[in-house]
Amino acid sequence: MEKQTFFFLLSGEYETLPVAELRSVLNILDPEHELIGISPTRRILISNTDIKSAKTAVERAAYTKLCCRLIAVTKTSERDLLNSITEEAIAEIFHEGAEKFAVRGKRIEGAEIDKLAIERELGAKILRLNPRLKVDLTNPDILIFILSEPQLTFIGVLIHSKPKNFFKDRIAGKRPFSLPSAMQPDFSRAMVNLAEVKPGGKILDPFSGTGGIVIEAGLLGYDVYGVELKEWIAEGALRNLKRYLPGREFMIVGDARYPVFREGLFDAFVTDPPYGRSTTVPSESIQSLLNKFFDSSLKLLKKEGRIVMASPADIELEEIAAAHGLRLLGRHLARVHGSLIRKVVVLGK
């Protein structure tokens, strides 16, 4: 499929996680894609890929909001922006049969530009350059999207955007069963994506709790298994799975330190161990728990398998993993609330 240049708008929620997640998603969808660059604010990523992969990336990634086919990159000024739209650019934007268009702008990270004036003036310039075109704000054939950050402005044709309230129905507090420590669906989905498992692969969450990671992995099309030690939590997770993965709901009551699966079965482990909050192993330290888990369960991973694991930032997760011969492939920090900072590490065998 033909490669084109796209820019993606990322969430500003965390510093490194949105970029890492989108890069992992593109690695899954189009291993031959080319990263062109990341903007100064880290909110915009530019890549050469095919249009199907670009659209699917927006649908799949938790922290990617939209993508556009890139037309121009300019300094964030009205003059530079208007000068970037030439007759040649108009000819490239409007394919055969496209007549109706709209211009939309968005400012991020404090960009100082008059969004409404730019929308109006750019629309007027397009009409001057090609009088056959018409403005249609309701149902345009082409939506020209202007995305401005303080230093740079990106202009493109909108290809796809994530629906509003995409995760609303799956927010932890709205699930049939929840616990105070339950991970939200966007974070769970990002962790699954960081595992870079190809479609149809097998994923294990050995500390599945209320089933949030299992749900997102299942919705992404993976063959996913959840293991939970406490039976009452496993029963609650099963209620969640019945709601969001009907026909695929099952949960294993078991101890992650004593696996029941065959060797080499899984492409990845994606998990958020208990770390002392309502811990399932109150008599053991988290270090002991993870050491026993790694000792017994690494054999379940395929040769190139990955582990994506979350923990509070003060847990020495990287050192524990290194002691078992695991390689650190990535590390991301995310403030959850107040002083609680969550860490996500990506490990390889």
Protein backbone atom coordinates (compact mmCIF):
# COMPACT_ATOMS: atom_id res chain seq x y z
CA MET A 1 0.00 0.00 0.00
CA GLU A 2 1.25 3.49 -0.89
CA LYS A 3 3.06 5.39 1.87
CA GLN A 4 2.07 8.95 2.69
CA THR A 5 3.13 11.42 5.37
CA PHE A 6 0.73 11.85 8.28
CA PHE A 7 0.79 13.82 11.49
CA PHE A 8 -0.87 12.53 14.64
CA LEU A 9 -2.15 14.61 17.56
CA LEU A 10 -1.30 12.99 20.89
CA SER A 11 -2.73 13.47 24.35
CA GLY A 12 -0.82 15.85 26.58
CA GLU A 13 -1.64 13.74 29.62
CA TYR A 14 1.82 12.22 30.09
CA GLU A 15 5.29 13.15 28.91
CA THR A 16 6.58 10.02 27.15
CA LEU A 17 3.80 7.42 27.18
CA PRO A 18 1.67 8.75 24.26
CA VAL A 19 4.64 8.89 21.86
CA ALA A 20 5.88 5.44 22.91
CA GLU A 21 2.41 3.95 22.57
CA LEU A 22 1.83 5.32 19.06
CA ARG A 23 5.26 4.15 17.91
CA SER A 24 4.46 0.66 19.21
CA VAL A 25 1.08 0.68 17.46
CA LEU A 26 2.68 1.68 14.16
CA ASN A 27 5.29 -1.06 14.65
CA ILE A 28 2.43 -3.54 14.93
CA LEU A 29 0.35 -2.23 12.01
CA ASP A 30 3.13 -1.26 9.60
CA PRO A 31 6.61 -2.54 10.52
CA GLU A 32 7.96 -0.65 7.49
CA HIS A 33 6.68 2.77 8.62
CA GLU A 34 9.19 5.58 8.99
CA LEU A 35 9.26 8.00 11.90
CA ILE A 36 9.87 11.49 10.47
CA GLY A 37 9.89 13.47 13.69
CA ILE A 38 8.27 14.57 16.92
CA SER A 39 7.32 18.21 17.51
CA PRO A 40 8.94 20.34 20.26
CA THR A 41 5.94 19.86 22.56
CA ARG A 42 5.91 16.06 21.96
CA ARG A 43 2.21 16.40 21.12
CA ILE A 44 2.60 15.79 17.38
CA LEU A 45 4.25 12.81 15.73
CA ILE A 46 4.96 12.67 11.98
CA SER A 47 5.30 9.35 10.18
CA ASN A 48 5.36 7.86 6.70
CA THR A 49 2.86 5.02 6.61
CA ASP A 50 -0.16 3.83 4.64
CA ILE A 51 -3.60 5.33 5.12
CA LYS A 52 -5.15 2.15 6.56
CA SER A 53 -2.47 1.93 9.26
CA ALA A 54 -2.85 5.64 10.05
CA LYS A 55 -6.60 5.29 10.56
CA THR A 56 -6.30 2.10 12.58
CA ALA A 57 -3.62 3.65 14.79
CA VAL A 58 -6.06 6.36 15.89
CA GLU A 59 -8.71 3.75 16.69
CA ARG A 60 -6.28 1.52 18.53
CA ALA A 61 -4.02 3.86 20.52
CA ALA A 62 -5.35 5.18 23.82
CA TYR A 63 -3.53 8.51 23.68
CA THR A 64 -3.75 9.36 19.96
CA LYS A 65 -6.58 11.76 19.16
CA LEU A 66 -6.50 12.17 15.37
CA CYS A 67 -4.39 11.95 12.24
CA CYS A 68 -4.09 14.13 9.14
CA ARG A 69 -2.35 13.74 5.82
CA LEU A 70 0.38 16.34 6.01
CA ILE A 71 0.22 19.27 3.59
CA ALA A 72 2.64 21.76 5.16
CA VAL A 73 4.60 22.65 8.28
CA THR A 74 5.17 26.35 8.98
CA LYS A 75 6.19 28.67 11.75
CA THR A 76 3.28 29.62 13.97
CA SER A 77 2.44 32.94 12.37
CA GLU A 78 -0.49 34.06 10.26
CA ARG A 79 1.72 35.15 7.36
CA ASP A 80 3.71 31.90 7.17
CA LEU A 81 0.58 29.80 7.48
CA LEU A 82 -1.30 31.58 4.69
CA ASN A 83 1.77 31.59 2.42
CA SER A 84 2.07 27.80 2.74
CA ILE A 85 -1.20 27.26 0.87
CA THR A 86 -0.44 27.66 -2.82
CA GLU A 87 -2.22 26.63 -6.01
CA GLU A 88 -0.06 23.50 -6.06
CA ALA A 89 -1.10 22.68 -2.50
CA ILE A 90 -4.77 23.17 -3.38
CA ALA A 91 -4.42 20.82 -6.34
CA GLU A 92 -2.88 18.21 -4.04
CA ILE A 93 -5.60 18.56 -1.40
CA PHE A 94 -8.67 18.37 -3.61
CA HIS A 95 -8.92 15.08 -5.43
CA GLU A 96 -11.23 14.59 -8.38
CA GLY A 97 -14.87 15.16 -7.43
CA ALA A 98 -14.19 16.89 -4.09
CA GLU A 99 -15.86 20.30 -4.05
CA LYS A 100 -17.03 21.05 -0.51
CA PHE A 101 -14.55 21.90 2.21
CA ALA A 102 -14.21 23.31 5.70
CA VAL A 103 -11.25 24.67 7.66
CA ARG A 104 -10.82 23.89 11.35
CA GLY A 105 -8.07 25.01 13.68
CA LYS A 106 -6.80 23.91 17.06
CA ARG A 107 -4.25 25.53 19.38
CA ILE A 108 -2.26 23.49 21.87
CA GLU A 109 0.30 24.23 24.56
CA GLY A 110 -0.45 27.95 24.57
CA ALA A 111 0.02 28.71 20.87
CA GLU A 112 -0.60 32.42 20.28
CA ILE A 113 -2.51 32.63 17.03
CA ASP A 114 -6.03 33.77 16.21
CA LYS A 115 -7.66 30.47 15.35
CA LEU A 116 -10.95 31.90 14.07
CA ALA A 117 -9.21 34.50 11.91
CA ILE A 118 -6.93 31.86 10.40
CA GLU A 119 -9.87 29.57 9.62
CA ARG A 120 -11.67 32.44 7.91
CA GLU A 121 -8.69 33.81 5.98
CA LEU A 122 -7.42 30.42 4.83
CA GLY A 123 -10.89 29.49 3.63
CA ALA A 124 -11.12 32.77 1.70
CA LYS A 125 -7.71 32.19 0.09
CA ILE A 126 -8.69 28.69 -1.04
CA LEU A 127 -11.83 30.10 -2.67
CA ARG A 128 -9.77 32.75 -4.47
CA LEU A 129 -7.35 30.13 -5.78
CA ASN A 130 -10.12 27.77 -6.87
CA PRO A 131 -13.55 29.44 -7.29
CA ARG A 132 -15.29 26.15 -8.13
CA LEU A 133 -14.95 25.03 -4.51
CA LYS A 134 -17.62 25.64 -1.85
CA VAL A 135 -17.48 25.97 1.92
CA ASP A 136 -19.64 23.43 3.76
CA LEU A 137 -19.20 23.44 7.53
CA THR A 138 -21.65 20.57 8.09
CA ASN A 139 -20.73 17.89 5.58
CA PRO A 140 -17.48 18.76 3.78
CA ASP A 141 -15.75 16.43 1.33
CA ILE A 142 -12.42 17.68 2.67
CA LEU A 143 -11.70 19.02 6.15
CA ILE A 144 -8.49 21.03 6.28
CA PHE A 145 -7.09 20.88 9.80
CA ILE A 146 -4.68 23.45 11.24
CA LEU A 147 -2.85 22.39 14.40
CA SER A 148 -0.76 25.10 16.06
CA GLU A 149 1.73 24.79 18.88
CA PRO A 150 3.92 27.71 20.03
CA GLN A 151 6.73 27.22 17.49
CA LEU A 152 5.23 25.22 14.62
CA THR A 153 1.91 24.87 12.84
CA PHE A 154 0.90 21.73 10.96
CA ILE A 155 -1.62 21.82 8.12
CA GLY A 156 -3.26 18.70 6.76
CA VAL A 157 -6.36 16.92 5.58
CA LEU A 158 -8.17 15.22 8.44
CA ILE A 159 -8.17 11.45 7.91
CA HIS A 160 -9.58 10.08 11.16
CA SER A 161 -10.34 11.15 14.72
CA LYS A 162 -11.18 9.23 17.87
CA PRO A 163 -14.83 9.62 18.96
CA LYS A 164 -15.47 11.69 22.04
CA ASN A 165 -16.00 9.71 25.25
CA PHE A 166 -14.31 6.69 23.66
CA PHE A 167 -13.60 5.10 27.05
CA LYS A 168 -16.61 6.47 28.96
CA ASP A 169 -18.53 3.22 29.25
CA ARG A 170 -15.46 1.34 30.51
CA ILE A 171 -14.20 3.81 33.15
CA ALA A 172 -13.37 1.81 36.26
CA GLY A 173 -16.14 3.33 38.40
CA LYS A 174 -18.78 2.54 35.77
CA ARG A 175 -17.96 -1.13 35.36
CA PRO A 176 -20.27 -3.69 37.00
CA PHE A 177 -17.43 -4.45 39.46
CA SER A 178 -14.63 -2.17 40.57
CA LEU A 179 -12.05 -1.64 43.30
CA PRO A 180 -10.33 1.62 44.35
CA SER A 181 -7.05 0.39 42.84
CA ALA A 182 -8.56 -0.51 39.44
CA MET A 183 -6.61 0.83 36.45
CA GLN A 184 -8.47 3.05 33.99
CA PRO A 185 -9.11 1.71 30.46
CA ASP A 186 -6.90 4.20 28.60
CA PHE A 187 -3.86 3.31 30.70
CA SER A 188 -4.61 -0.41 30.38
CA ARG A 189 -4.90 -0.11 26.60
CA ALA A 190 -1.63 1.80 26.34
CA MET A 191 0.14 -0.95 28.29
CA VAL A 192 -1.27 -3.61 25.96
CA ASN A 193 -0.08 -1.63 22.94
CA LEU A 194 3.43 -1.27 24.37
CA ALA A 195 3.73 -5.07 24.26
CA GLU A 196 3.78 -4.85 20.42
CA VAL A 197 1.99 -8.16 19.97
CA LYS A 198 0.77 -8.84 16.45
CA PRO A 199 -2.99 -9.27 15.92
CA GLY A 200 -4.24 -12.64 17.09
CA GLY A 201 -1.38 -13.15 19.56
CA LYS A 202 -1.71 -14.47 23.10
CA ILE A 203 -1.42 -12.23 26.18
CA LEU A 204 -1.43 -13.14 29.86
CA ASP A 205 -2.33 -10.88 32.77
CA PRO A 206 -1.18 -12.94 35.76
CA PHE A 207 -2.41 -10.39 38.34
CA SER A 208 -5.64 -9.46 36.61
CA GLY A 209 -7.66 -7.96 39.49
CA THR A 210 -10.91 -6.51 38.14
CA GLY A 211 -9.97 -7.40 34.56
CA GLY A 212 -9.23 -3.98 33.05
CA ILE A 213 -6.17 -5.11 31.08
CA VAL A 214 -7.94 -8.30 29.98
CA ILE A 215 -10.86 -6.23 28.66
CA GLU A 216 -8.71 -3.88 26.60
CA ALA A 217 -6.56 -6.71 25.22
CA GLY A 218 -9.69 -8.61 24.25
CA LEU A 219 -11.22 -5.59 22.55
CA LEU A 220 -8.00 -5.19 20.56
CA GLY A 221 -8.46 -8.70 19.21
CA TYR A 222 -5.99 -10.67 21.31
CA ASP A 223 -6.42 -14.13 22.80
CA VAL A 224 -6.11 -13.01 26.43
CA TYR A 225 -5.99 -14.94 29.72
CA GLY A 226 -6.51 -13.47 33.18
CA VAL A 227 -5.36 -15.04 36.45
CA GLU A 228 -6.50 -13.76 39.87
CA LEU A 229 -5.72 -15.30 43.27
CA LYS A 230 -8.76 -14.07 45.21
CA GLU A 231 -11.92 -15.83 44.15
CA TRP A 232 -14.27 -12.95 45.02
CA ILE A 233 -12.25 -10.55 42.86
CA ALA A 234 -12.13 -13.09 40.03
CA GLU A 235 -15.93 -13.39 40.21
CA GLY A 236 -16.23 -9.60 39.99
CA ALA A 237 -13.85 -9.51 37.03
CA LEU A 238 -15.98 -12.16 35.33
CA ARG A 239 -18.98 -9.82 35.59
CA ASN A 240 -16.95 -7.13 33.84
CA LEU A 241 -15.89 -9.51 31.10
CA LYS A 242 -19.48 -10.57 30.51
CA ARG A 243 -20.35 -6.91 29.99
CA TYR A 244 -17.51 -5.96 27.63
CA LEU A 245 -16.40 -9.27 26.05
CA PRO A 246 -19.63 -11.28 25.76
CA GLY A 247 -19.01 -14.82 24.64
CA ARG A 248 -15.33 -14.64 25.58
CA GLU A 249 -15.66 -14.26 29.32
CA PHE A 250 -13.53 -16.49 31.52
CA MET A 251 -11.20 -15.89 34.44
CA ILE A 252 -8.77 -18.32 36.06
CA VAL A 253 -8.60 -18.43 39.85
CA GLY A 254 -4.96 -19.22 40.53
CA ASP A 255 -1.59 -18.13 41.88
CA ALA A 256 0.72 -16.34 39.43
CA ARG A 257 3.74 -17.95 41.13
CA TYR A 258 2.52 -21.41 40.12
CA PRO A 259 1.56 -21.24 36.43
CA VAL A 260 -0.78 -23.73 34.81
CA PHE A 261 0.12 -22.95 31.18
CA ARG A 262 2.52 -24.69 28.83
CA GLU A 263 5.93 -23.25 28.03
CA GLY A 264 6.25 -20.75 25.18
CA LEU A 265 2.51 -20.12 24.95
CA PHE A 266 2.40 -16.33 25.35
CA ASP A 267 3.62 -13.44 23.24
CA ALA A 268 3.50 -11.08 26.22
CA PHE A 269 2.64 -10.56 29.87
CA VAL A 270 0.80 -7.28 30.52
CA THR A 271 0.04 -6.73 34.18
CA ASP A 272 -0.30 -4.48 37.22
CA PRO A 273 0.76 -6.49 40.29
CA PRO A 274 -0.84 -5.74 43.68
CA TYR A 275 2.07 -3.82 45.28
CA GLY A 276 0.70 -3.82 48.80
CA ARG A 277 -2.68 -2.24 48.06
CA SER A 278 -5.08 -5.02 49.09
CA THR A 279 -2.21 -7.33 48.20
CA THR A 280 -3.02 -10.92 47.38
CA VAL A 281 0.20 -12.06 49.06
CA PRO A 282 0.21 -10.17 52.38
CA SER A 283 2.91 -12.34 53.95
CA GLU A 284 5.50 -11.59 51.25
CA SER A 285 7.27 -8.50 50.04
CA ILE A 286 6.69 -7.39 46.48
CA GLN A 287 10.32 -8.23 45.67
CA SER A 288 9.77 -11.80 46.81
CA LEU A 289 6.50 -12.05 44.92
CA LEU A 290 8.04 -10.84 41.66
CA ASN A 291 11.15 -12.97 42.05
CA LYS A 292 9.02 -16.09 42.44
CA PHE A 293 6.79 -15.02 39.56
CA PHE A 294 9.73 -14.46 37.21
CA ASP A 295 11.42 -17.70 38.33
CA SER A 296 8.35 -19.77 37.52
CA SER A 297 6.71 -17.91 34.64
CA LEU A 298 9.35 -16.58 32.23
CA LYS A 299 9.35 -19.99 30.54
CA LEU A 300 5.75 -19.29 29.46
CA LEU A 301 6.94 -16.45 27.21
CA LYS A 302 8.00 -16.98 23.63
CA LYS A 303 11.63 -16.28 22.77
CA GLU A 304 10.98 -12.67 21.68
CA GLY A 305 8.20 -12.14 24.22
CA ARG A 306 7.72 -8.92 26.15
CA ILE A 307 6.59 -8.00 29.65
CA VAL A 308 4.79 -4.72 30.25
CA MET A 309 4.39 -4.10 33.97
CA ALA A 310 3.19 -1.19 36.10
CA SER A 311 4.25 -0.26 39.61
CA PRO A 312 4.55 2.74 41.92
CA ALA A 313 7.62 4.76 40.90
CA ASP A 314 9.56 3.89 44.06
CA ILE A 315 9.52 0.13 43.40
CA GLU A 316 12.90 -1.05 42.00
CA LEU A 317 11.21 -3.00 39.26
CA GLU A 318 14.05 -2.59 36.76
CA GLU A 319 16.60 -4.09 39.16
CA ILE A 320 14.37 -7.07 39.94
CA ALA A 321 13.85 -7.71 36.23
CA ALA A 322 17.56 -7.37 35.44
CA ALA A 323 18.38 -10.02 38.05
CA HIS A 324 16.33 -12.45 35.94
CA GLY A 325 18.11 -11.59 32.70
CA LEU A 326 15.38 -9.31 31.35
CA ARG A 327 16.30 -6.30 29.20
CA LEU A 328 14.81 -2.86 29.83
CA LEU A 329 13.20 -1.69 26.56
CA GLY A 330 11.28 1.30 27.89
CA ARG A 331 10.31 3.19 31.01
CA HIS A 332 7.52 5.75 31.47
CA LEU A 333 6.30 7.76 34.44
CA ALA A 334 2.69 8.88 34.88
CA ARG A 335 1.24 10.95 37.71
CA VAL A 336 -1.98 9.29 38.82
CA HIS A 337 -3.09 11.71 41.53
CA GLY A 338 -1.47 13.74 44.29
CA SER A 339 1.93 12.25 45.08
CA LEU A 340 1.22 8.85 43.47
CA ILE A 341 3.36 8.36 40.39
CA ARG A 342 2.96 5.16 38.42
CA LYS A 343 5.83 3.65 36.46
CA VAL A 344 5.46 1.42 33.41
CA VAL A 345 8.40 -0.66 32.28
CA VAL A 346 8.70 -2.63 29.06
CA LEU A 347 10.96 -5.68 29.35
CA GLY A 348 12.32 -8.16 26.83
CA LYS A 349 13.73 -11.66 27.29
